[in-house]
Amino acid sequence: MRRKLIIACLMLITTAGLHNAVAQEAYVPTTSNMAARRNFQDMKFGLFIHWGIYSILGDGEWVMHNEKIPYDSYKRLAGFFNPQEFNAKEWVAFAKKAGMKYITITSRHHDGFSMFGTKLSPYNIVDATPYHKDPLMELAKECEKEGIELHFYYSLLDWGRSDYAFGSQIVNGKPVKGDWDSYIKFMKDQLTELITKYPGVKGIWFDGNWERTAANWHYDEIYGLIHKLNPAILVGNNHHLAPKDGEDFQMFEKDLPGNNTTGFSGESKIGTLPLETCETINDSWGFNIRDRSFKSSKQIIHYLVNAAGRNANFLLNIGPMPNGKIQSEFTDTLAIVGAWVQKNGEAVYGTRGGSVPPQAWGVVTVKNKTMYAHITDPQAVSYIFIPQVKQTVTKAALLSNGAAVKFKQQPEGVFIYTAGLAMDANDTVIKLTVN
């Protein structure tokens, strides 16, 4: 009996020790990382760019998979990918004119082609194309010069590499036909290149986990490596799940946080991390020559405002043409968006949302002692009601011209009277000063 008791005590001590070791390894963001998170939330508006050799075919970034193009045949696209019209200065100027504060660009997509000068594979834009230049290095330098944050999209999924073994059965967390350890090392080495070689990189945007939910992705190693190389870098993963340990922001694909209209966000429980929603400017991520479903400037403004009202950033995607130019439909529309943001950015940048639930008429953003009521859908009645306002409102005015707006505060909220106001066709912003 005594021997059994001793053994039991030893087991408890060992179990407790293991528990403590695991607990000690839990991710604790640094002060610099927390500051980066706050800055990320302040920026609110970003440009997403899907660009690669798939752009040549003009049928989106999934063309190899969707059209069942053999990998060895698809790889030939690299031989005539020569984007002579690419101009990093023009791209960054385009983003700034639109009112965007950061850029997230595909460094490697599911086709496995690296859009940067990697030493880990010859299948990259410098070594495999007649272009022989590194557009991501040019973009990184221009972003740093112009004060635009740069984030890199990085695909976990790879349709072509033998060590990934796309389509293989997953057993014990690994593909049966591949070499999982080799693939994990390859990714870690590439991520090290992206973080250490390219100036001013502030974020890594992972995608593809959903292709292998049973795999052990070694996130403890991958996230740990990133934060070791640069603790301030923000890590996000488009896995459509609740946030995992080691992540710094949570994204929602083609949905506002709390919605699930696309079916991607059913398990995306909203956590405590900064939020981001991404959406396409038409119906495609990569360049699609047939896609004419362009969103209007009004739709984009509404998406931006509705994201901000739900305490999220808005990452708007474009797919540049294979020659490196951004098509005129995108530049024209986003110039209009930029003009609106220039006038109304006070009610978006640096704000937080979520203190007031979205209403039928629009959303509310907050900054310090100021609330902004965004009327994107005017109602038939001549007022809007903002519930749950506990602070005392001392003043209400149109953001556009400072004209006073009538209001009445009740215990249940604030009534804002809109009769006779000059309404903005996109979003009428009422600025409320509170104690």
Protein backbone atom coordinates (compact mmCIF):
# COMPACT_ATOMS: atom_id res chain seq x y z
CA MET A 1 0.00 0.00 0.00
CA ARG A 2 2.81 2.36 0.96
CA ARG A 3 4.58 1.64 -2.33
CA LYS A 4 1.41 2.36 -4.30
CA LEU A 5 0.97 5.62 -2.43
CA ILE A 6 4.53 6.71 -3.23
CA ILE A 7 4.05 5.87 -6.92
CA ALA A 8 0.76 7.79 -7.01
CA CYS A 9 2.42 10.83 -5.42
CA LEU A 10 5.27 10.69 -7.92
CA MET A 11 2.77 10.52 -10.79
CA LEU A 12 0.92 13.55 -9.44
CA ILE A 13 4.18 15.48 -9.11
CA THR A 14 5.21 14.52 -12.65
CA THR A 15 1.79 15.43 -14.07
CA ALA A 16 1.83 18.76 -12.27
CA GLY A 17 5.34 19.41 -13.57
CA LEU A 18 4.27 18.69 -17.14
CA HIS A 19 1.21 20.88 -16.71
CA ASN A 20 3.35 23.73 -15.45
CA ALA A 21 5.81 23.28 -18.32
CA VAL A 22 2.96 23.49 -20.84
CA ALA A 23 1.48 26.49 -19.05
CA GLN A 24 4.86 28.23 -19.08
CA GLU A 25 5.10 27.72 -22.85
CA ALA A 26 1.79 29.48 -23.55
CA TYR A 27 2.28 32.51 -25.77
CA VAL A 28 2.64 35.80 -23.96
CA PRO A 29 2.80 38.75 -26.39
CA THR A 30 5.55 41.29 -25.76
CA THR A 31 5.02 44.97 -25.09
CA SER A 32 6.08 45.70 -28.67
CA ASN A 33 3.56 43.17 -29.97
CA MET A 34 0.72 44.70 -27.96
CA ALA A 35 1.67 48.11 -29.34
CA ALA A 36 1.66 46.65 -32.86
CA ARG A 37 -1.82 45.23 -32.23
CA ARG A 38 -3.14 48.63 -31.18
CA ASN A 39 -1.57 50.25 -34.22
CA PHE A 40 -3.08 47.55 -36.43
CA GLN A 41 -6.53 48.33 -35.02
CA ASP A 42 -5.97 52.04 -35.59
CA MET A 43 -5.15 51.61 -39.30
CA LYS A 44 -8.57 50.13 -40.15
CA PHE A 45 -8.13 49.95 -43.96
CA GLY A 46 -5.71 47.76 -45.91
CA LEU A 47 -4.99 46.58 -49.44
CA PHE A 48 -4.89 42.84 -50.14
CA ILE A 49 -3.01 41.78 -53.29
CA HIS A 50 -3.20 38.35 -54.94
CA TRP A 51 -0.58 38.25 -57.69
CA GLY A 52 1.41 35.39 -59.18
CA ILE A 53 2.06 33.36 -62.31
CA TYR A 54 -1.61 32.33 -62.26
CA SER A 55 -2.39 35.92 -63.30
CA ILE A 56 -1.21 35.04 -66.81
CA LEU A 57 -4.19 32.72 -67.36
CA GLY A 58 -6.67 35.39 -66.20
CA ASP A 59 -8.84 32.89 -64.35
CA GLY A 60 -8.09 33.45 -60.68
CA GLU A 61 -5.49 32.04 -58.31
CA TRP A 62 -7.12 28.59 -58.15
CA VAL A 63 -6.87 27.98 -61.92
CA MET A 64 -4.30 25.17 -61.64
CA HIS A 65 -6.53 23.21 -59.26
CA ASN A 66 -9.88 24.06 -60.82
CA GLU A 67 -8.81 23.29 -64.39
CA LYS A 68 -6.82 20.22 -63.30
CA ILE A 69 -3.64 21.50 -64.95
CA PRO A 70 -0.75 19.08 -64.25
CA TYR A 71 1.85 20.64 -62.01
CA ASP A 72 4.70 20.09 -64.48
CA SER A 73 2.67 21.85 -67.18
CA TYR A 74 1.56 24.69 -64.91
CA LYS A 75 5.16 25.40 -63.88
CA ARG A 76 5.91 26.49 -67.44
CA LEU A 77 3.97 29.67 -66.81
CA ALA A 78 6.99 30.93 -64.91
CA GLY A 79 8.96 30.93 -68.17
CA PHE A 80 6.91 33.78 -69.58
CA PHE A 81 5.92 35.70 -66.47
CA ASN A 82 7.61 39.04 -67.13
CA PRO A 83 5.72 41.90 -65.40
CA GLN A 84 7.64 44.78 -66.94
CA GLU A 85 4.92 47.27 -65.99
CA PHE A 86 5.19 46.57 -62.25
CA ASN A 87 6.01 49.74 -60.34
CA ALA A 88 6.17 49.55 -56.54
CA LYS A 89 5.90 53.32 -56.26
CA GLU A 90 2.63 53.31 -58.25
CA TRP A 91 1.18 50.49 -56.16
CA VAL A 92 1.94 52.18 -52.86
CA ALA A 93 0.69 55.53 -54.15
CA PHE A 94 -2.53 53.80 -55.25
CA ALA A 95 -3.03 52.36 -51.75
CA LYS A 96 -2.32 55.70 -50.06
CA LYS A 97 -4.70 57.57 -52.36
CA ALA A 98 -7.43 55.08 -51.41
CA GLY A 99 -6.85 55.82 -47.73
CA MET A 100 -5.25 52.44 -46.99
CA LYS A 101 -2.65 52.17 -44.25
CA TYR A 102 -1.18 48.73 -44.91
CA ILE A 103 -0.65 46.19 -47.69
CA THR A 104 -0.89 42.39 -47.45
CA ILE A 105 0.53 40.63 -50.52
CA THR A 106 0.88 36.99 -51.54
CA SER A 107 4.49 35.90 -51.07
CA ARG A 108 3.57 32.29 -51.93
CA HIS A 109 0.17 30.93 -52.87
CA HIS A 110 -1.23 27.39 -53.12
CA ASP A 111 0.55 26.79 -56.44
CA GLY A 112 3.82 26.91 -54.49
CA PHE A 113 5.40 29.64 -56.62
CA SER A 114 7.40 32.11 -54.53
CA MET A 115 6.95 35.74 -55.54
CA PHE A 116 10.23 36.65 -53.86
CA GLY A 117 13.91 35.79 -54.21
CA THR A 118 14.08 32.71 -52.00
CA LYS A 119 17.16 30.50 -51.69
CA LEU A 120 15.03 27.53 -50.65
CA SER A 121 13.56 26.73 -54.07
CA PRO A 122 14.39 27.65 -57.68
CA TYR A 123 10.63 27.94 -58.28
CA ASN A 124 10.58 31.69 -57.66
CA ILE A 125 10.21 34.94 -59.55
CA VAL A 126 13.92 35.79 -59.56
CA ASP A 127 15.27 32.43 -60.73
CA ALA A 128 12.41 30.92 -62.77
CA THR A 129 11.15 33.90 -64.80
CA PRO A 130 12.65 36.22 -67.43
CA TYR A 131 11.83 39.09 -65.04
CA HIS A 132 14.74 38.17 -62.74
CA LYS A 133 13.80 40.81 -60.17
CA ASP A 134 12.22 40.72 -56.71
CA PRO A 135 9.01 42.80 -56.67
CA LEU A 136 8.42 42.13 -52.97
CA MET A 137 11.77 43.68 -52.08
CA GLU A 138 10.91 46.75 -54.14
CA LEU A 139 7.49 46.91 -52.51
CA ALA A 140 8.97 46.49 -49.01
CA LYS A 141 11.38 49.37 -49.55
CA GLU A 142 8.67 51.63 -50.98
CA CYS A 143 6.25 50.81 -48.17
CA GLU A 144 8.89 51.63 -45.59
CA LYS A 145 9.65 54.90 -47.38
CA GLU A 146 5.98 55.93 -47.55
CA GLY A 147 4.90 54.81 -44.08
CA ILE A 148 2.71 51.93 -45.27
CA GLU A 149 2.85 48.71 -43.26
CA LEU A 150 3.67 45.54 -45.18
CA HIS A 151 2.27 42.11 -44.35
CA PHE A 152 3.01 38.89 -46.23
CA TYR A 153 0.36 36.31 -47.12
CA TYR A 154 1.94 32.84 -46.94
CA SER A 155 0.24 29.63 -48.07
CA LEU A 156 0.52 26.56 -45.87
CA LEU A 157 -1.00 24.48 -48.65
CA ASP A 158 1.15 23.50 -51.64
CA TRP A 159 -0.29 21.69 -54.66
CA GLY A 160 3.07 20.74 -56.15
CA ARG A 161 5.79 19.92 -53.63
CA SER A 162 6.37 16.20 -53.14
CA ASP A 163 7.09 16.58 -49.42
CA TYR A 164 3.67 18.22 -48.95
CA ALA A 165 2.06 15.40 -51.01
CA PHE A 166 -1.22 17.11 -51.83
CA GLY A 167 -4.13 14.66 -51.64
CA SER A 168 -2.29 12.24 -49.36
CA GLN A 169 -4.04 10.62 -46.43
CA ILE A 170 -3.11 12.14 -43.06
CA VAL A 171 -2.11 9.63 -40.39
CA ASN A 172 -0.75 10.64 -36.98
CA GLY A 173 -0.66 14.26 -38.11
CA LYS A 174 1.44 13.65 -41.23
CA PRO A 175 0.79 12.88 -44.92
CA VAL A 176 1.45 9.20 -45.62
CA LYS A 177 3.07 9.88 -49.00
CA GLY A 178 5.06 12.98 -48.11
CA ASP A 179 7.89 14.12 -45.88
CA TRP A 180 6.15 16.38 -43.37
CA ASP A 181 9.28 17.26 -41.40
CA SER A 182 10.95 18.41 -44.61
CA TYR A 183 7.97 20.57 -45.54
CA ILE A 184 7.71 22.18 -42.11
CA LYS A 185 11.43 23.00 -42.23
CA PHE A 186 11.02 24.47 -45.73
CA MET A 187 8.27 26.79 -44.51
CA LYS A 188 10.21 27.86 -41.44
CA ASP A 189 13.27 28.63 -43.56
CA GLN A 190 11.22 30.66 -46.06
CA LEU A 191 9.51 32.58 -43.28
CA THR A 192 12.92 33.36 -41.83
CA GLU A 193 13.91 34.84 -45.20
CA LEU A 194 10.78 36.96 -45.40
CA ILE A 195 11.15 38.30 -41.88
CA THR A 196 14.90 38.93 -41.87
CA LYS A 197 15.57 40.06 -45.44
CA TYR A 198 12.61 42.33 -46.20
CA PRO A 199 12.54 45.67 -44.39
CA GLY A 200 9.58 46.78 -42.34
CA VAL A 201 7.55 43.55 -42.41
CA LYS A 202 4.82 43.82 -39.77
CA GLY A 203 2.61 40.77 -40.27
CA ILE A 204 2.29 37.18 -41.58
CA TRP A 205 -1.10 36.09 -42.98
CA PHE A 206 -1.35 32.29 -43.17
CA ASP A 207 -3.85 30.39 -45.32
CA GLY A 208 -4.52 26.73 -46.17
CA ASN A 209 -4.88 25.07 -42.76
CA TRP A 210 -8.41 24.08 -43.77
CA GLU A 211 -7.00 21.67 -46.42
CA ARG A 212 -5.50 19.49 -43.67
CA THR A 213 -7.37 19.92 -40.42
CA ALA A 214 -6.01 16.61 -39.10
CA ALA A 215 -2.38 17.56 -39.72
CA ASN A 216 0.05 18.69 -37.06
CA TRP A 217 1.11 22.04 -38.51
CA HIS A 218 3.72 22.62 -35.79
CA TYR A 219 2.32 26.06 -35.05
CA ASP A 220 4.17 26.15 -31.76
CA GLU A 221 7.42 26.00 -33.74
CA ILE A 222 6.31 28.25 -36.62
CA TYR A 223 4.66 30.95 -34.52
CA GLY A 224 7.46 30.70 -31.96
CA LEU A 225 10.07 31.20 -34.69
CA ILE A 226 8.31 34.28 -36.07
CA HIS A 227 8.01 35.89 -32.66
CA LYS A 228 11.62 35.03 -31.88
CA LEU A 229 12.82 36.68 -35.08
CA ASN A 230 10.65 39.73 -34.45
CA PRO A 231 8.34 39.78 -31.40
CA ALA A 232 6.33 42.69 -32.81
CA ILE A 233 5.25 40.88 -35.96
CA LEU A 234 1.54 40.06 -36.01
CA VAL A 235 0.57 36.47 -36.84
CA GLY A 236 -2.85 35.61 -38.24
CA ASN A 237 -4.23 32.41 -39.75
CA ASN A 238 -7.21 32.03 -42.05
CA HIS A 239 -8.16 28.64 -40.62
CA HIS A 240 -11.83 29.64 -40.07
CA LEU A 241 -11.61 28.54 -36.44
CA ALA A 242 -11.35 30.18 -33.05
CA PRO A 243 -7.94 31.83 -32.49
CA LYS A 244 -5.06 29.50 -31.64
CA ASP A 245 -2.29 30.12 -29.12
CA GLY A 246 0.44 32.26 -30.69
CA GLU A 247 -1.83 34.27 -32.98
CA ASP A 248 -2.08 38.06 -32.75
CA PHE A 249 -5.13 38.86 -34.86
CA GLN A 250 -8.19 37.03 -36.15
CA MET A 251 -9.45 37.26 -39.71
CA PHE A 252 -12.80 36.57 -41.35
CA GLU A 253 -12.92 35.68 -45.03
CA LYS A 254 -15.61 37.49 -47.04
CA ASP A 255 -17.69 38.06 -43.91
CA LEU A 256 -18.04 40.68 -41.22
CA PRO A 257 -17.27 39.35 -37.72
CA GLY A 258 -20.33 37.60 -36.33
CA ASN A 259 -21.74 36.80 -39.78
CA ASN A 260 -21.48 33.56 -41.73
CA THR A 261 -23.02 34.32 -45.10
CA THR A 262 -20.25 32.53 -47.02
CA GLY A 263 -20.09 29.42 -44.84
CA PHE A 264 -16.45 29.98 -43.87
CA SER A 265 -17.06 31.39 -40.40
CA GLY A 266 -19.27 28.79 -38.74
CA GLU A 267 -16.56 27.87 -36.23
CA SER A 268 -14.87 31.29 -36.13
CA LYS A 269 -15.73 32.15 -32.57
CA ILE A 270 -14.81 35.78 -32.04
CA GLY A 271 -11.94 35.98 -29.59
CA THR A 272 -10.24 38.89 -27.85
CA LEU A 273 -7.68 39.55 -30.59
CA PRO A 274 -7.80 42.43 -33.10
CA LEU A 275 -10.16 41.58 -35.96
CA GLU A 276 -9.90 41.82 -39.73
CA THR A 277 -12.35 41.04 -42.53
CA CYS A 278 -11.17 40.52 -46.10
CA GLU A 279 -13.22 40.88 -49.26
CA THR A 280 -12.63 41.10 -53.01
CA ILE A 281 -13.25 44.18 -55.14
CA ASN A 282 -15.02 41.93 -57.66
CA ASP A 283 -15.69 38.19 -57.27
CA SER A 284 -12.09 37.00 -57.69
CA TRP A 285 -8.93 37.09 -55.59
CA GLY A 286 -6.46 36.72 -58.45
CA PHE A 287 -6.75 38.49 -61.83
CA ASN A 288 -9.80 37.24 -63.72
CA ILE A 289 -10.26 38.67 -67.19
CA ARG A 290 -13.96 37.71 -67.32
CA ASP A 291 -14.96 38.98 -63.90
CA ARG A 292 -16.90 42.24 -64.27
CA SER A 293 -18.73 42.09 -60.94
CA PHE A 294 -17.04 45.21 -59.64
CA LYS A 295 -18.15 46.58 -56.29
CA SER A 296 -19.15 50.23 -56.30
CA SER A 297 -17.43 52.88 -54.24
CA LYS A 298 -20.54 52.99 -52.05
CA GLN A 299 -20.40 49.25 -51.37
CA ILE A 300 -16.73 49.51 -50.41
CA ILE A 301 -17.33 52.48 -48.10
CA HIS A 302 -20.18 50.59 -46.44
CA TYR A 303 -17.96 47.53 -45.97
CA LEU A 304 -15.24 49.66 -44.40
CA VAL A 305 -17.67 51.43 -42.07
CA ASN A 306 -19.52 48.25 -41.11
CA ALA A 307 -16.21 46.54 -40.31
CA ALA A 308 -15.10 49.47 -38.16
CA GLY A 309 -18.45 49.44 -36.34
CA ARG A 310 -17.79 45.80 -35.46
CA ASN A 311 -14.28 46.65 -34.25
CA ALA A 312 -12.58 45.14 -37.30
CA ASN A 313 -10.20 46.24 -40.03
CA PHE A 314 -11.20 45.98 -43.68
CA LEU A 315 -8.70 44.34 -46.05
CA LEU A 316 -9.86 44.91 -49.64
CA ASN A 317 -8.38 42.64 -52.30
CA ILE A 318 -7.35 43.35 -55.87
CA GLY A 319 -5.75 41.04 -58.42
CA PRO A 320 -3.25 42.99 -60.56
CA MET A 321 -2.80 42.07 -64.21
CA PRO A 322 0.10 39.79 -65.24
CA ASN A 323 2.02 42.78 -66.61
CA GLY A 324 2.06 44.34 -63.14
CA LYS A 325 -0.53 47.04 -63.75
CA ILE A 326 -3.64 47.59 -61.65
CA GLN A 327 -6.69 47.76 -63.88
CA SER A 328 -8.48 51.08 -64.29
CA GLU A 329 -11.78 49.84 -62.83
CA PHE A 330 -9.97 49.37 -59.50
CA THR A 331 -8.02 52.61 -59.56
CA ASP A 332 -11.06 54.69 -60.54
CA THR A 333 -13.33 53.24 -57.86
CA LEU A 334 -10.76 53.44 -55.08
CA ALA A 335 -9.95 57.06 -55.95
CA ILE A 336 -13.59 57.84 -55.09
CA VAL A 337 -13.32 55.82 -51.89
CA GLY A 338 -10.13 57.66 -51.01
CA ALA A 339 -11.77 61.05 -51.47
CA TRP A 340 -14.55 60.04 -49.07
CA VAL A 341 -12.08 58.65 -46.52
CA GLN A 342 -10.01 61.84 -46.70
CA LYS A 343 -13.07 63.83 -45.56
CA ASN A 344 -14.44 61.30 -43.07
CA GLY A 345 -11.38 59.40 -41.89
CA GLU A 346 -11.67 60.89 -38.42
CA ALA A 347 -14.69 58.63 -37.87
CA VAL A 348 -12.80 55.52 -39.00
CA TYR A 349 -9.05 55.67 -38.25
CA GLY A 350 -8.12 55.06 -34.64
CA THR A 351 -11.67 54.24 -33.63
CA ARG A 352 -13.07 51.18 -31.90
CA GLY A 353 -16.41 49.51 -32.50
CA GLY A 354 -18.64 47.09 -30.69
CA SER A 355 -19.73 49.27 -27.78
CA VAL A 356 -23.06 49.77 -29.57
CA PRO A 357 -24.51 46.82 -31.56
CA PRO A 358 -25.07 47.38 -35.30
CA GLN A 359 -28.42 49.05 -35.97
CA ALA A 360 -30.82 49.00 -38.93
CA TRP A 361 -29.60 52.50 -39.87
CA GLY A 362 -25.87 51.81 -39.49
CA VAL A 363 -23.10 51.51 -36.90
CA VAL A 364 -21.26 53.47 -34.22
CA THR A 365 -17.52 53.97 -33.84
CA VAL A 366 -15.83 55.49 -30.80
CA LYS A 367 -12.60 57.41 -30.20
CA ASN A 368 -11.80 58.72 -26.73
CA LYS A 369 -14.73 60.99 -25.75
CA THR A 370 -16.25 61.09 -29.22
CA MET A 371 -18.85 58.81 -30.77
CA TYR A 372 -19.56 58.67 -34.49
CA ALA A 373 -22.96 57.50 -35.73
CA HIS A 374 -22.61 56.25 -39.32
CA ILE A 375 -25.98 56.44 -41.07
CA THR A 376 -25.49 54.15 -44.07
CA ASP A 377 -29.15 53.14 -44.41
CA PRO A 378 -31.46 56.08 -43.61
CA GLN A 379 -34.81 54.95 -42.23
CA ALA A 380 -38.26 56.23 -43.14
CA VAL A 381 -38.57 57.96 -39.75
CA SER A 382 -36.91 61.33 -39.14
CA TYR A 383 -34.58 60.14 -36.38
CA ILE A 384 -32.14 57.42 -35.39
CA PHE A 385 -31.88 55.84 -31.97
CA ILE A 386 -28.54 54.88 -30.41
CA PRO A 387 -29.09 52.42 -27.56
CA GLN A 388 -26.91 51.73 -24.53
CA VAL A 389 -25.32 55.20 -24.33
CA LYS A 390 -24.44 55.68 -20.66
CA GLN A 391 -22.18 58.74 -20.98
CA THR A 392 -23.73 62.18 -21.13
CA VAL A 393 -23.89 63.54 -24.68
CA THR A 394 -23.08 67.26 -24.67
CA LYS A 395 -23.05 68.00 -28.40
CA ALA A 396 -24.08 66.50 -31.75
CA ALA A 397 -23.00 67.80 -35.15
CA LEU A 398 -22.54 66.72 -38.75
CA LEU A 399 -18.96 65.65 -39.30
CA SER A 400 -19.05 67.04 -42.83
CA ASN A 401 -19.65 70.70 -41.96
CA GLY A 402 -19.98 70.98 -38.19
CA ALA A 403 -23.68 71.93 -38.37
CA ALA A 404 -25.48 71.30 -35.09
CA VAL A 405 -27.84 68.32 -34.92
CA LYS A 406 -30.79 68.08 -32.54
CA PHE A 407 -30.73 65.21 -30.06
CA LYS A 408 -32.41 64.01 -26.89
CA GLN A 409 -30.87 61.66 -24.36
CA GLN A 410 -33.01 59.24 -22.41
CA PRO A 411 -32.00 56.53 -19.90
CA GLU A 412 -32.34 53.92 -22.66
CA GLY A 413 -30.23 55.81 -25.22
CA VAL A 414 -29.98 58.84 -27.51
CA PHE A 415 -32.38 60.05 -30.19
CA ILE A 416 -30.73 61.91 -33.08
CA TYR A 417 -33.15 63.93 -35.22
CA THR A 418 -32.26 63.78 -38.91
CA ALA A 419 -35.08 65.82 -40.47
CA GLY A 420 -33.66 68.54 -42.69
CA LEU A 421 -30.08 67.26 -42.55
CA ALA A 422 -27.97 67.16 -45.70
CA MET A 423 -27.51 63.41 -46.02
CA ASP A 424 -24.39 61.92 -47.58
CA ALA A 425 -25.16 59.43 -50.34
CA ASN A 426 -22.61 57.01 -48.87
CA ASP A 427 -22.60 57.57 -45.12
CA THR A 428 -23.87 60.49 -43.07
CA VAL A 429 -21.67 60.79 -40.01
CA ILE A 430 -23.01 62.41 -36.82
CA LYS A 431 -20.28 63.36 -34.34
CA LEU A 432 -21.30 63.17 -30.69
CA THR A 433 -19.23 64.62 -27.87
CA VAL A 434 -19.63 62.82 -24.56
CA ASN A 435 -18.45 63.36 -20.98
